[in-house]
N, C-alpha and C. Protein backbone atom coordinates (compact mmCIF):
# COMPACT_ATOMS: atom_id res chain seq x y z
N UNK A 1 3.24 -17.83 -12.17
CA UNK A 1 4.33 -16.77 -10.43
C UNK A 1 3.93 -15.48 -11.54
N UNK A 2 2.97 -15.40 -12.43
CA UNK A 2 2.98 -13.00 -12.86
C UNK A 2 2.12 -13.41 -11.79
N UNK A 3 0.72 -13.83 -12.02
CA UNK A 3 -0.25 -13.88 -10.43
C UNK A 3 -0.29 -13.76 -9.45
N UNK A 4 1.12 -14.00 -8.71
CA UNK A 4 1.45 -13.50 -7.31
C UNK A 4 1.94 -12.51 -7.33
N UNK A 5 3.74 -12.57 -7.92
CA UNK A 5 4.12 -11.20 -8.51
C UNK A 5 3.02 -10.30 -8.54
N UNK A 6 2.37 -9.92 -9.46
CA UNK A 6 0.99 -9.09 -9.85
C UNK A 6 0.79 -8.60 -8.31
N UNK A 7 -0.48 -9.69 -7.48
CA UNK A 7 -1.10 -9.65 -6.06
C UNK A 7 0.03 -9.19 -5.56
N UNK A 8 1.36 -9.51 -5.17
CA UNK A 8 1.92 -8.95 -3.57
C UNK A 8 2.09 -7.14 -5.00
N UNK A 9 2.73 -6.92 -5.80
CA UNK A 9 2.72 -5.95 -6.75
C UNK A 9 0.89 -4.34 -5.92
N UNK A 10 0.48 -5.60 -6.30
CA UNK A 10 -1.55 -4.77 -5.27
C UNK A 10 -1.33 -5.09 -4.16
N UNK A 11 -0.60 -5.03 -3.64
CA UNK A 11 -0.93 -5.25 -1.26
C UNK A 11 0.04 -4.11 -1.66
N UNK A 12 1.39 -3.96 -2.26
CA UNK A 12 2.00 -3.48 -1.99
C UNK A 12 0.75 -1.58 -2.19
N UNK A 13 1.05 -1.17 -4.10
CA UNK A 13 0.30 -0.45 -3.95
C UNK A 13 -0.77 0.08 -3.27
N UNK A 14 -2.41 -0.60 -2.24
CA UNK A 14 -3.32 -1.02 -1.74
C UNK A 14 -2.94 -0.75 -0.87
N UNK A 15 -1.48 -1.18 0.28
CA UNK A 15 -1.34 0.07 0.87
C UNK A 15 -0.90 1.21 1.40
N UNK A 16 0.07 1.93 0.39
CA UNK A 16 0.59 3.09 -0.31
C UNK A 16 -0.52 4.42 0.04
N UNK A 17 -1.16 2.84 -1.13
CA UNK A 17 -2.57 4.60 -1.03
C UNK A 17 -3.53 4.12 -0.53
N UNK A 18 -3.37 3.45 0.88
CA UNK A 18 -4.18 3.88 1.54
C UNK A 18 -3.95 5.14 2.45
N UNK A 19 -3.02 4.89 2.97
CA UNK A 19 -1.59 6.07 3.15
C UNK A 19 -2.32 7.35 3.13
N UNK A 20 -1.89 7.18 1.40
CA UNK A 20 -1.82 8.73 1.25
C UNK A 20 -2.91 8.65 0.80
N UNK A 21 -4.60 8.44 0.95
CA UNK A 21 -5.66 8.70 0.62
C UNK A 21 -6.16 9.72 1.99
N UNK A 22 -5.86 9.43 2.77
CA UNK A 22 -6.88 10.06 4.01
C UNK A 22 -6.22 11.15 3.83
N UNK A 23 -7.33 12.54 4.43
CA UNK A 23 -6.90 14.10 4.51
C UNK A 23 -6.71 14.19 5.37
N UNK A 24 -6.10 14.54 6.02
CA UNK A 24 -5.12 15.62 6.83
C UNK A 24 -5.88 16.90 7.24
N UNK A 25 -6.33 16.56 8.75
CA UNK A 25 -7.52 17.41 8.74
C UNK A 25 -6.99 18.41 10.15
N UNK A 26 -6.00 18.14 10.27
CA UNK A 26 -5.04 18.83 11.92
C UNK A 26 -3.84 17.79 12.05
N UNK A 27 -2.92 19.19 12.14
CA UNK A 27 -1.22 19.01 11.77
C UNK A 27 -0.92 19.39 13.65
N UNK A 28 -0.70 18.33 14.55
CA UNK A 28 -0.02 19.50 15.36
C UNK A 28 1.39 19.69 16.08
N UNK A 29 2.12 20.07 13.95
CA UNK A 29 4.08 20.24 14.53
C UNK A 29 4.72 19.00 14.49
N UNK A 30 6.11 18.31 13.57
CA UNK A 30 5.95 17.60 13.02
C UNK A 30 7.27 17.58 14.44
N UNK A 31 7.58 15.75 14.51
CA UNK A 31 8.24 15.44 16.29
C UNK A 31 9.89 15.96 16.19
N UNK A 32 10.57 16.38 16.91
CA UNK A 32 11.57 17.29 17.51
C UNK A 32 12.61 17.00 17.98
N UNK A 33 12.49 15.19 18.80
CA UNK A 33 13.74 14.71 19.38
C UNK A 33 13.89 16.18 20.10
N UNK A 34 13.09 16.04 21.27
CA UNK A 34 13.92 16.90 22.35
C UNK A 34 13.00 16.04 23.18
N UNK A 35 12.05 15.70 23.84
CA UNK A 35 11.52 15.49 24.93
C UNK A 35 9.96 14.64 24.83
N UNK A 36 9.06 14.32 25.19
CA UNK A 36 8.29 13.58 24.90
C UNK A 36 8.08 13.33 27.36
N UNK A 37 6.77 12.80 27.15
CA UNK A 37 6.08 12.70 28.28
C UNK A 37 5.25 11.33 28.06
N UNK A 38 5.78 10.09 29.35
CA UNK A 38 5.55 8.95 29.54
C UNK A 38 3.78 8.11 29.49
N UNK A 39 3.90 7.30 28.35
CA UNK A 39 2.50 7.40 28.74
C UNK A 39 1.79 5.67 28.54
N UNK A 40 2.72 4.84 29.59
CA UNK A 40 1.96 3.52 29.70
C UNK A 40 1.32 4.20 31.54
N UNK A 41 2.12 4.52 32.33
CA UNK A 41 1.80 4.95 32.90
C UNK A 41 0.87 5.99 33.81
N UNK A 42 1.11 6.43 31.97
CA UNK A 42 0.18 7.65 32.20
C UNK A 42 -0.89 7.38 30.82
N UNK A 43 -2.91 8.75 31.11
CA UNK A 43 -3.43 9.09 29.76
C UNK A 43 -2.79 9.79 29.70
N UNK A 44 -1.79 10.65 28.91
CA UNK A 44 -1.77 11.35 28.33
C UNK A 44 -2.46 12.39 27.04
N UNK A 45 -3.04 13.29 27.22
CA UNK A 45 -3.68 14.21 26.48
C UNK A 45 -2.85 16.20 25.43
N UNK A 46 -3.95 15.92 24.50
CA UNK A 46 -3.04 17.22 23.94
C UNK A 46 -4.48 17.53 22.74
N UNK A 47 -4.68 19.44 22.79
CA UNK A 47 -6.45 19.95 22.92
C UNK A 47 -5.13 20.21 21.19
N UNK A 48 -6.63 20.26 20.38
CA UNK A 48 -6.26 20.47 19.27
C UNK A 48 -7.85 21.33 18.71
N UNK A 49 -8.44 21.44 17.56
CA UNK A 49 -9.51 23.16 17.61
C UNK A 49 -9.93 22.57 15.82
N UNK A 50 -10.30 21.94 15.06
CA UNK A 50 -10.53 22.06 13.50
C UNK A 50 -11.40 22.86 13.21
N UNK A 51 -11.03 23.60 11.90
CA UNK A 51 -11.76 24.74 10.70
C UNK A 51 -12.73 24.49 10.77
N UNK A 52 -12.97 23.02 10.81
CA UNK A 52 -14.66 23.31 10.37
C UNK A 52 -14.92 21.51 10.69
N UNK A 53 -16.55 21.19 10.19
CA UNK A 53 -16.90 19.80 10.74
C UNK A 53 -16.10 19.29 9.63
N UNK A 54 -15.74 17.73 10.39
CA UNK A 54 -14.45 16.90 10.02
C UNK A 54 -14.83 15.27 10.76
N UNK A 55 -14.59 14.91 10.06
CA UNK A 55 -14.34 12.84 9.83
C UNK A 55 -13.30 12.74 10.87
N UNK A 56 -13.27 12.21 11.69
CA UNK A 56 -11.50 11.56 11.76
C UNK A 56 -11.88 10.04 12.52
N UNK A 57 -10.82 10.00 10.98
CA UNK A 57 -10.61 8.30 11.66
C UNK A 57 -9.29 7.92 11.30
N UNK A 58 -8.08 8.48 10.97
CA UNK A 58 -6.90 8.28 12.24
C UNK A 58 -5.75 8.95 12.22
N UNK A 59 -5.35 8.86 13.50
CA UNK A 59 -4.49 9.20 14.12
C UNK A 59 -3.53 9.27 14.05
N UNK A 60 -1.89 9.58 13.71
CA UNK A 60 -0.98 9.50 13.45
C UNK A 60 0.59 9.98 14.52
N UNK A 61 1.08 9.38 16.20
CA UNK A 61 1.76 10.00 16.60
C UNK A 61 2.68 9.73 16.85
N UNK A 62 4.13 10.12 17.61
CA UNK A 62 5.52 9.84 17.66
C UNK A 62 4.83 9.22 18.85
N UNK A 63 6.36 8.68 18.70
CA UNK A 63 7.06 7.92 20.83
C UNK A 63 8.63 8.11 20.53
N UNK A 64 9.15 8.41 21.46
CA UNK A 64 10.53 7.86 21.38
C UNK A 64 10.88 6.59 22.69
N UNK A 65 11.78 5.48 22.62
CA UNK A 65 10.73 4.81 23.75
C UNK A 65 12.38 3.62 23.99
N UNK A 66 12.49 2.71 25.29
CA UNK A 66 13.70 2.55 25.45
C UNK A 66 13.78 1.82 25.37
N UNK A 67 15.22 1.48 24.11
CA UNK A 67 14.76 -0.01 23.52
C UNK A 67 14.32 -0.90 23.95
N UNK A 68 13.65 -1.70 23.24
CA UNK A 68 12.62 -3.00 23.18
C UNK A 68 12.06 -2.78 24.49
N UNK A 69 11.49 -1.37 24.92
CA UNK A 69 10.39 -1.82 25.69
C UNK A 69 9.20 -2.78 26.46
N UNK A 70 8.26 -2.41 27.12
CA UNK A 70 7.99 -3.46 27.32
C UNK A 70 6.41 -3.32 26.32
N UNK A 71 5.84 -3.60 25.24
CA UNK A 71 4.35 -2.72 24.49
C UNK A 71 3.66 -4.31 24.57
N UNK A 72 2.46 -4.53 25.14
CA UNK A 72 1.70 -4.88 24.18
C UNK A 72 0.23 -5.61 23.35
N UNK A 73 0.85 -4.32 22.62
CA UNK A 73 0.72 -4.00 21.54
C UNK A 73 -1.31 -3.76 21.00
N UNK A 74 -0.97 -3.17 22.89
CA UNK A 74 -2.77 -2.15 22.37
C UNK A 74 -2.37 -0.32 23.14
N UNK A 75 -2.85 0.39 21.98
CA UNK A 75 -3.05 1.16 21.78
C UNK A 75 -4.77 1.91 21.77
N UNK A 76 -5.38 2.72 23.60
CA UNK A 76 -6.30 3.24 23.66
C UNK A 76 -6.02 4.89 23.51
N UNK A 77 -6.80 5.23 22.49
CA UNK A 77 -7.47 6.40 22.48
C UNK A 77 -8.95 7.25 22.95
N UNK A 78 -8.57 8.15 23.80
CA UNK A 78 -9.73 9.36 22.74
C UNK A 78 -10.10 10.38 22.62
N UNK A 79 -11.38 11.23 22.42
CA UNK A 79 -11.36 12.18 22.13
C UNK A 79 -12.37 12.86 23.46
N UNK A 80 -11.86 13.95 24.17
CA UNK A 80 -12.18 14.75 24.95
C UNK A 80 -12.93 15.93 24.66
N UNK A 81 -13.34 16.78 25.00
CA UNK A 81 -14.42 18.11 25.41
C UNK A 81 -14.10 18.45 26.70
N UNK A 82 -13.25 19.90 25.75
CA UNK A 82 -13.09 20.94 26.54
C UNK A 82 -13.43 20.98 28.10
N UNK A 83 -12.95 21.09 29.08
CA UNK A 83 -14.08 21.18 30.53
C UNK A 83 -12.53 22.45 30.73
N UNK A 84 -12.72 23.64 30.67
CA UNK A 84 -12.43 24.66 31.23
C UNK A 84 -10.61 24.74 30.99
N UNK A 85 -9.93 24.11 29.95
CA UNK A 85 -8.86 24.21 29.68
C UNK A 85 -8.05 22.68 30.66
N UNK A 86 -8.68 22.22 30.82
CA UNK A 86 -7.75 20.58 30.98
C UNK A 86 -9.33 19.69 30.44
N UNK A 87 -8.60 18.06 30.07
CA UNK A 87 -10.00 17.27 29.36
C UNK A 87 -11.40 17.01 30.39
N UNK A 88 -11.91 17.33 29.51
CA UNK A 88 -13.93 16.93 29.81
C UNK A 88 -14.27 15.16 29.54
N UNK A 89 -15.44 15.96 28.71
CA UNK A 89 -16.46 14.47 28.91
C UNK A 89 -16.09 13.98 27.72
N UNK A 90 -15.49 12.69 27.93
CA UNK A 90 -15.46 11.84 27.05
C UNK A 90 -16.37 11.44 25.21
N UNK A 91 -15.55 12.56 24.38
CA UNK A 91 -16.90 12.59 23.37
C UNK A 91 -16.70 10.45 22.65
N UNK A 92 -15.95 10.45 22.21
CA UNK A 92 -15.66 8.87 22.33
C UNK A 92 -14.33 8.46 22.92
N UNK A 93 -14.29 6.99 22.14
CA UNK A 93 -12.97 6.41 22.72
C UNK A 93 -12.97 5.14 22.18
N UNK A 94 -11.73 5.00 21.82
CA UNK A 94 -11.78 2.92 21.44
C UNK A 94 -10.70 2.94 21.82
N UNK A 95 -10.25 0.84 21.50
CA UNK A 95 -8.98 -0.15 21.57
C UNK A 95 -8.20 -0.05 20.63
N UNK A 96 -6.70 -0.20 20.01
CA UNK A 96 -6.78 -1.24 18.50
C UNK A 96 -5.48 -1.33 19.00
N UNK A 97 -5.99 -3.18 18.73
CA UNK A 97 -4.94 -3.71 18.56
C UNK A 97 -4.32 -3.93 17.87
N UNK A 98 -3.49 -4.10 18.61
CA UNK A 98 -1.70 -4.68 16.99
C UNK A 98 -1.43 -3.29 16.29
N UNK A 99 -1.43 -1.36 15.91
CA UNK A 99 -1.69 -1.26 15.09
C UNK A 99 0.08 -0.85 14.38
N UNK A 100 -1.15 0.58 13.39
CA UNK A 100 1.17 -0.36 12.97
C UNK A 100 1.78 0.85 13.01
N UNK A 101 2.90 0.17 13.57
CA UNK A 101 4.30 0.93 14.34
C UNK A 101 5.21 0.57 13.61
N UNK A 102 6.52 1.74 13.93
CA UNK A 102 7.45 2.53 12.90
C UNK A 102 8.17 2.80 13.23
N UNK A 103 9.62 1.76 12.69
CA UNK A 103 10.18 1.98 13.40
C UNK A 103 11.30 3.07 12.81
N UNK A 104 11.90 4.42 13.34
CA UNK A 104 12.41 5.13 12.86
C UNK A 104 13.57 5.65 12.43
N UNK A 105 14.38 6.00 14.11
CA UNK A 105 15.03 5.95 14.06
C UNK A 105 16.20 5.98 15.68
N UNK A 106 17.23 5.01 16.00
CA UNK A 106 17.67 4.51 17.24
C UNK A 106 18.80 6.13 17.93
N UNK A 107 18.85 6.60 19.14
CA UNK A 107 20.12 7.65 19.83
C UNK A 107 19.44 8.44 19.86
N UNK A 108 17.97 8.65 19.54
CA UNK A 108 17.00 9.70 20.39
C UNK A 108 17.54 10.00 21.53
N UNK A 109 18.41 11.42 21.44
CA UNK A 109 18.24 11.66 23.25
C UNK A 109 19.70 11.33 23.88
N UNK A 110 19.86 10.74 22.96
CA UNK A 110 21.51 8.97 23.39
C UNK A 110 21.26 8.02 23.36
N UNK A 111 19.55 7.63 23.76
CA UNK A 111 19.55 6.69 23.63
C UNK A 111 18.66 6.17 23.80
N UNK A 112 16.95 6.81 23.03
CA UNK A 112 15.64 5.84 22.84
C UNK A 112 16.27 5.66 20.63
N UNK A 113 14.63 4.53 20.73
CA UNK A 113 13.90 4.51 19.43
C UNK A 113 12.84 5.37 19.00
N UNK A 114 13.02 6.13 18.00
CA UNK A 114 11.64 7.14 18.40
C UNK A 114 11.01 6.01 16.48
N UNK A 115 9.62 5.71 16.75
CA UNK A 115 8.70 5.19 16.29
C UNK A 115 6.96 5.87 15.92
N UNK A 116 6.73 6.05 14.76
CA UNK A 116 5.12 6.01 14.91
C UNK A 116 4.56 5.42 14.76
N UNK A 117 3.12 5.92 15.30
CA UNK A 117 1.79 4.34 15.48
C UNK A 117 0.89 5.09 14.12
N UNK A 118 0.21 4.27 13.77
CA UNK A 118 -0.86 4.47 12.74
C UNK A 118 -2.18 4.15 13.07
N UNK A 119 -3.19 4.53 13.89
CA UNK A 119 -4.41 4.26 14.78
C UNK A 119 -5.35 3.76 13.49
N UNK A 120 -6.64 3.24 12.95
CA UNK A 120 -6.83 3.09 12.66
C UNK A 120 -8.64 3.06 12.71
N UNK A 121 -9.21 4.33 13.41
CA UNK A 121 -10.43 4.54 14.49
C UNK A 121 -12.04 4.04 13.49
N UNK A 122 -12.42 3.81 14.11
CA UNK A 122 -13.86 4.44 13.80
C UNK A 122 -14.00 4.89 13.59
N UNK A 123 -15.41 5.79 12.72
CA UNK A 123 -15.03 6.81 12.21
C UNK A 123 -15.41 8.27 13.65
N UNK A 124 -15.27 9.05 13.62
CA UNK A 124 -15.68 10.50 15.26
C UNK A 124 -15.69 11.59 13.40
N UNK A 125 -17.28 11.96 14.84
CA UNK A 125 -17.82 13.70 14.27
C UNK A 125 -17.55 14.45 15.06
N UNK A 126 -16.86 15.06 13.46
CA UNK A 126 -16.49 16.28 15.15
C UNK A 126 -16.67 17.81 14.29
N UNK A 127 -16.72 18.77 15.56
CA UNK A 127 -17.76 20.45 15.00
C UNK A 127 -16.63 21.92 14.69
N UNK A 128 -16.74 21.63 13.83
CA UNK A 128 -15.47 22.62 14.13
C UNK A 128 -15.60 24.15 14.51
N UNK A 129 -14.39 24.54 14.55
CA UNK A 129 -14.32 25.70 15.67
C UNK A 129 -15.16 25.31 17.40
N UNK A 130 -14.29 24.36 17.40
CA UNK A 130 -14.23 23.74 19.50
C UNK A 130 -12.95 22.45 19.33
N UNK A 131 -12.66 23.33 20.52
CA UNK A 131 -11.47 22.85 21.50
C UNK A 131 -12.51 21.03 22.28
N UNK A 132 -10.43 20.16 21.68
CA UNK A 132 -10.98 19.21 21.95
C UNK A 132 -9.42 19.33 22.57
N UNK A 133 -9.93 16.99 22.89
CA UNK A 133 -8.63 17.17 23.76
C UNK A 133 -8.19 15.69 22.60
N UNK A 134 -7.02 15.23 22.48
CA UNK A 134 -6.42 13.81 23.16
C UNK A 134 -5.49 12.92 23.24
N UNK A 135 -6.54 11.84 23.70
CA UNK A 135 -5.56 11.09 24.71
C UNK A 135 -5.83 10.19 24.28
N UNK A 136 -4.38 9.47 24.55
CA UNK A 136 -3.84 8.42 23.61
C UNK A 136 -2.89 7.75 25.13
N UNK A 137 -3.18 5.93 25.73
CA UNK A 137 -2.51 5.83 26.26
C UNK A 137 -2.06 4.01 25.77
N UNK A 138 -0.39 3.46 25.86
CA UNK A 138 -0.08 2.05 25.48
C UNK A 138 -0.26 1.33 26.37
N UNK A 139 -0.42 -0.11 26.46
CA UNK A 139 -1.02 -1.00 27.17
C UNK A 139 -2.90 -0.62 27.71
N UNK A 140 -2.16 -1.53 28.14
CA UNK A 140 -4.24 -2.38 28.14
C UNK A 140 -4.04 -1.88 30.15
N UNK A 141 -2.83 -1.43 30.53
CA UNK A 141 -2.94 -1.70 32.40
C UNK A 141 -2.68 0.18 32.04
N UNK A 142 -2.85 -0.15 33.45
CA UNK A 142 -1.34 1.71 34.21
C UNK A 142 -0.55 1.24 35.46
N UNK A 143 -0.49 -0.29 34.90
CA UNK A 143 0.33 -0.49 36.94
C UNK A 143 1.90 -0.40 36.51
N UNK A 144 2.41 -0.57 34.88
CA UNK A 144 3.65 -0.70 35.11
C UNK A 144 4.20 1.08 34.09
N UNK A 145 4.88 1.41 34.83
CA UNK A 145 5.92 1.80 34.12
C UNK A 145 6.98 1.59 33.23
N UNK A 146 6.57 2.00 31.56
CA UNK A 146 7.34 0.95 30.63
C UNK A 146 8.14 2.17 29.28
N UNK A 147 8.50 3.07 30.26
CA UNK A 147 9.47 4.22 29.31
C UNK A 147 8.93 4.34 27.54
N UNK A 148 7.91 4.77 28.10
CA UNK A 148 7.32 4.94 26.23
C UNK A 148 6.95 6.38 26.65
N UNK A 149 7.18 7.26 25.68
CA UNK A 149 6.70 8.73 25.67
C UNK A 149 6.10 9.19 24.40
N UNK A 150 5.63 9.77 24.62
CA UNK A 150 4.37 10.88 23.33
C UNK A 150 5.82 12.08 22.95
N UNK A 151 6.53 12.00 22.10
CA UNK A 151 6.60 13.13 21.35
C UNK A 151 6.60 14.48 21.36
N UNK A 152 7.72 15.20 21.88
CA UNK A 152 7.52 16.47 21.56
C UNK A 152 7.43 16.58 20.38
N UNK A 153 6.66 17.32 20.07
CA UNK A 153 6.55 19.03 18.35
C UNK A 153 6.59 19.77 18.89
N UNK A 154 6.41 20.90 17.46
CA UNK A 154 6.19 22.03 17.59
C UNK A 154 4.57 22.38 17.66
N UNK A 155 4.06 21.95 18.07
CA UNK A 155 2.22 22.22 18.30
C UNK A 155 1.72 23.58 18.22
N UNK A 156 0.83 23.76 18.90
CA UNK A 156 -0.46 25.47 19.44
C UNK A 156 -0.76 24.87 20.96
N UNK A 157 -0.26 25.89 21.65
CA UNK A 157 -0.74 26.37 23.02
C UNK A 157 -2.37 26.18 23.17
N UNK A 158 -2.19 25.60 24.21
CA UNK A 158 -2.17 25.21 25.83
C UNK A 158 -1.30 24.20 25.87
N UNK A 159 0.71 23.69 26.45
CA UNK A 159 0.65 22.94 26.47
C UNK A 159 -0.15 20.75 27.46
N UNK A 160 0.07 20.05 26.81
CA UNK A 160 -0.73 18.88 27.33
C UNK A 160 -1.00 18.83 28.63
N UNK A 161 -2.18 17.97 29.05
CA UNK A 161 -2.50 17.83 30.32
C UNK A 161 -1.96 16.30 30.08
N UNK A 162 -1.70 16.06 31.43
CA UNK A 162 -2.00 14.36 31.37
C UNK A 162 -2.57 13.61 33.18
N UNK A 163 -3.15 12.09 33.23
CA UNK A 163 -3.60 11.27 34.24
C UNK A 163 -2.96 10.38 34.49
N UNK A 164 -1.95 10.48 36.23
CA UNK A 164 -1.45 9.22 36.33
C UNK A 164 -3.08 8.15 36.43
N UNK A 165 -1.91 6.74 36.24
CA UNK A 165 -3.23 6.15 36.06
C UNK A 165 -4.63 5.88 35.25
N UNK A 166 -3.95 7.11 35.42
CA UNK A 166 -5.96 6.90 33.63
C UNK A 166 -7.14 7.14 34.42
N UNK A 167 -6.83 7.66 36.09
CA UNK A 167 -8.50 7.67 36.35
C UNK A 167 -9.56 9.38 35.84
N UNK A 168 -8.45 9.88 35.57
CA UNK A 168 -9.56 11.39 34.17
C UNK A 168 -10.20 11.94 35.54
N UNK A 169 -8.95 12.26 36.84
CA UNK A 169 -9.92 13.23 38.21
C UNK A 169 -8.40 13.86 38.51
N UNK A 170 -8.03 13.81 37.42
CA UNK A 170 -6.96 13.76 38.68
C UNK A 170 -6.01 14.61 36.95
N UNK A 171 -6.16 15.27 36.31
CA UNK A 171 -4.98 15.54 35.85
C UNK A 171 -4.94 17.16 36.52
N UNK A 172 -2.97 17.35 35.25
CA UNK A 172 -2.30 18.34 35.66
C UNK A 172 -1.30 18.58 34.94
N UNK A 173 -0.88 19.54 34.55
CA UNK A 173 0.25 19.48 33.02
C UNK A 173 0.92 19.14 33.39
N UNK A 174 1.31 18.46 31.64
CA UNK A 174 3.21 18.15 31.26
C UNK A 174 4.04 19.25 31.08
N UNK A 175 3.48 19.84 31.08
CA UNK A 175 4.33 21.68 30.08
C UNK A 175 5.19 20.94 28.26
N UNK A 176 4.39 20.04 27.75
CA UNK A 176 4.78 19.36 27.03
C UNK A 176 4.41 19.79 25.73
N UNK A 177 4.38 20.24 23.47
CA UNK A 177 3.56 19.94 22.95
C UNK A 177 3.65 18.84 23.06
N UNK A 178 2.92 18.05 22.17
CA UNK A 178 2.85 16.76 21.40
C UNK A 178 2.88 16.79 20.17
N UNK A 179 3.64 16.10 19.36
CA UNK A 179 3.86 15.70 17.57
C UNK A 179 2.72 14.65 17.89
N UNK A 180 1.41 14.79 16.70
CA UNK A 180 0.38 13.49 16.23
C UNK A 180 -0.17 14.25 15.05
N UNK A 181 -0.96 13.44 14.30
CA UNK A 181 -1.52 14.40 13.00
C UNK A 181 -3.09 13.85 13.08
N UNK A 182 -3.74 14.06 12.10
CA UNK A 182 -5.41 13.77 12.23
C UNK A 182 -5.27 13.54 10.90
N UNK A 183 -6.53 12.44 10.98
CA UNK A 183 -7.02 12.11 9.40
C UNK A 183 -8.76 11.89 9.38
N UNK A 184 -8.59 11.98 8.54
CA UNK A 184 -10.34 11.69 7.20
C UNK A 184 -10.24 10.49 7.86
N UNK A 185 -11.52 9.27 7.26
CA UNK A 185 -11.35 8.16 7.36
C UNK A 185 -10.61 7.51 6.48
N UNK A 186 -9.61 5.98 6.31
CA UNK A 186 -9.54 6.18 4.57
C UNK A 186 -10.61 5.21 4.16
N UNK A 187 -10.51 5.21 3.04
CA UNK A 187 -11.34 4.77 1.74
C UNK A 187 -11.66 3.05 2.01
N UNK A 188 -12.15 2.80 2.07
CA UNK A 188 -13.32 1.44 1.61
C UNK A 188 -12.36 0.95 1.37
N UNK A 189 -12.11 -0.64 2.11
CA UNK A 189 -11.41 -1.15 1.32
C UNK A 189 -11.00 -2.14 -0.22
N UNK A 190 -12.43 -2.22 -0.79
CA UNK A 190 -12.84 -2.67 -1.86
C UNK A 190 -11.80 -1.05 -2.88
N UNK A 191 -12.52 -0.36 -2.56
CA UNK A 191 -11.98 0.36 -3.21
C UNK A 191 -10.18 1.03 -3.41
N UNK A 192 -9.90 0.44 -2.90
CA UNK A 192 -8.26 0.42 -2.65
C UNK A 192 -7.70 -0.53 -3.14
N UNK A 193 -8.71 -1.69 -2.89
CA UNK A 193 -8.12 -2.76 -3.54
C UNK A 193 -7.52 -2.32 -5.14
N UNK A 194 -8.33 -1.99 -5.87
CA UNK A 194 -9.41 -1.70 -6.71
C UNK A 194 -8.03 -0.22 -7.78
N UNK A 195 -7.44 0.41 -6.55
CA UNK A 195 -6.68 0.72 -6.97
C UNK A 195 -5.15 0.43 -7.29
N UNK A 196 -4.49 -0.93 -6.27
CA UNK A 196 -3.78 -1.92 -5.82
C UNK A 196 -3.45 -1.86 -6.97
N UNK A 197 -4.73 -2.72 -7.54
CA UNK A 197 -4.54 -3.25 -8.73
C UNK A 197 -3.35 -2.73 -10.06
N UNK A 198 -5.32 -1.81 -9.56
CA UNK A 198 -4.82 -0.90 -11.45
C UNK A 198 -3.09 -0.25 -11.10
N UNK A 199 -2.69 -0.08 -10.41
CA UNK A 199 -1.45 0.48 -10.02
C UNK A 199 -0.07 -0.81 -9.87
N UNK A 200 -0.67 -1.70 -9.56
CA UNK A 200 0.55 -2.64 -10.55
C UNK A 200 0.41 -2.85 -11.63
N UNK A 201 -0.47 -3.16 -12.05
CA UNK A 201 -0.83 -3.27 -14.23
C UNK A 201 0.31 -2.11 -14.58
N UNK A 202 -0.10 -0.67 -13.71
CA UNK A 202 1.02 0.20 -14.29
C UNK A 202 2.94 -0.08 -13.96
N UNK A 203 2.57 -0.14 -13.06
CA UNK A 203 4.26 -0.63 -12.95
C UNK A 203 4.43 -1.61 -13.67
N UNK A 204 3.35 -2.74 -13.80
CA UNK A 204 4.04 -3.99 -14.59
C UNK A 204 4.45 -3.86 -16.33
N UNK A 205 3.27 -2.29 -16.66
CA UNK A 205 3.53 -2.36 -17.97
C UNK A 205 5.00 -1.40 -18.02
N UNK A 206 5.20 -1.24 -17.25
CA UNK A 206 6.03 0.22 -17.28
C UNK A 206 7.21 -0.40 -17.68
N UNK A 207 7.59 -2.07 -16.99
CA UNK A 207 9.01 -2.69 -17.19
C UNK A 207 8.72 -4.14 -18.65
């Protein structure tokens, strides 16, 4: 019984350690619950520029969604280079199945639910002082609008771009800055497990 309890405590501490140990490399403002752009029918993109060479390993972004919005558990991510103020060639991309999705609050703008998503992705090496675009799309296809919106935030100009149907040849301005954060890689699981066990032991000793 004590062993099971200790392992459960270790697992809890391990999850918290993983979230806390990844280094923030870029922040595009906190969510402001004021607006958003639909990201199931559209591929949405937001610009960023890093102060120095960095490795991207984790993406966090916020959404506002109609209650019980149809979500199939897939999130596509893209890093584009810059092409004259719009997304250009794909630097790297991927799809994350069933990422962490955390409910925050209801009643946003009267009727929407607010969530935060966390994507643990394959490492992407990025060059400092270079303009990039982060692209995000929810669900496996673009066939239906499900009213899931990348939430607005107080980020840096210019405002975002969007591609209807995700064809990437029809970019147009969406007039909104979006809330997201970029982090470096999360430490290897073995390191987190060791940290989690140590944390659990410390909690146990305090009792």
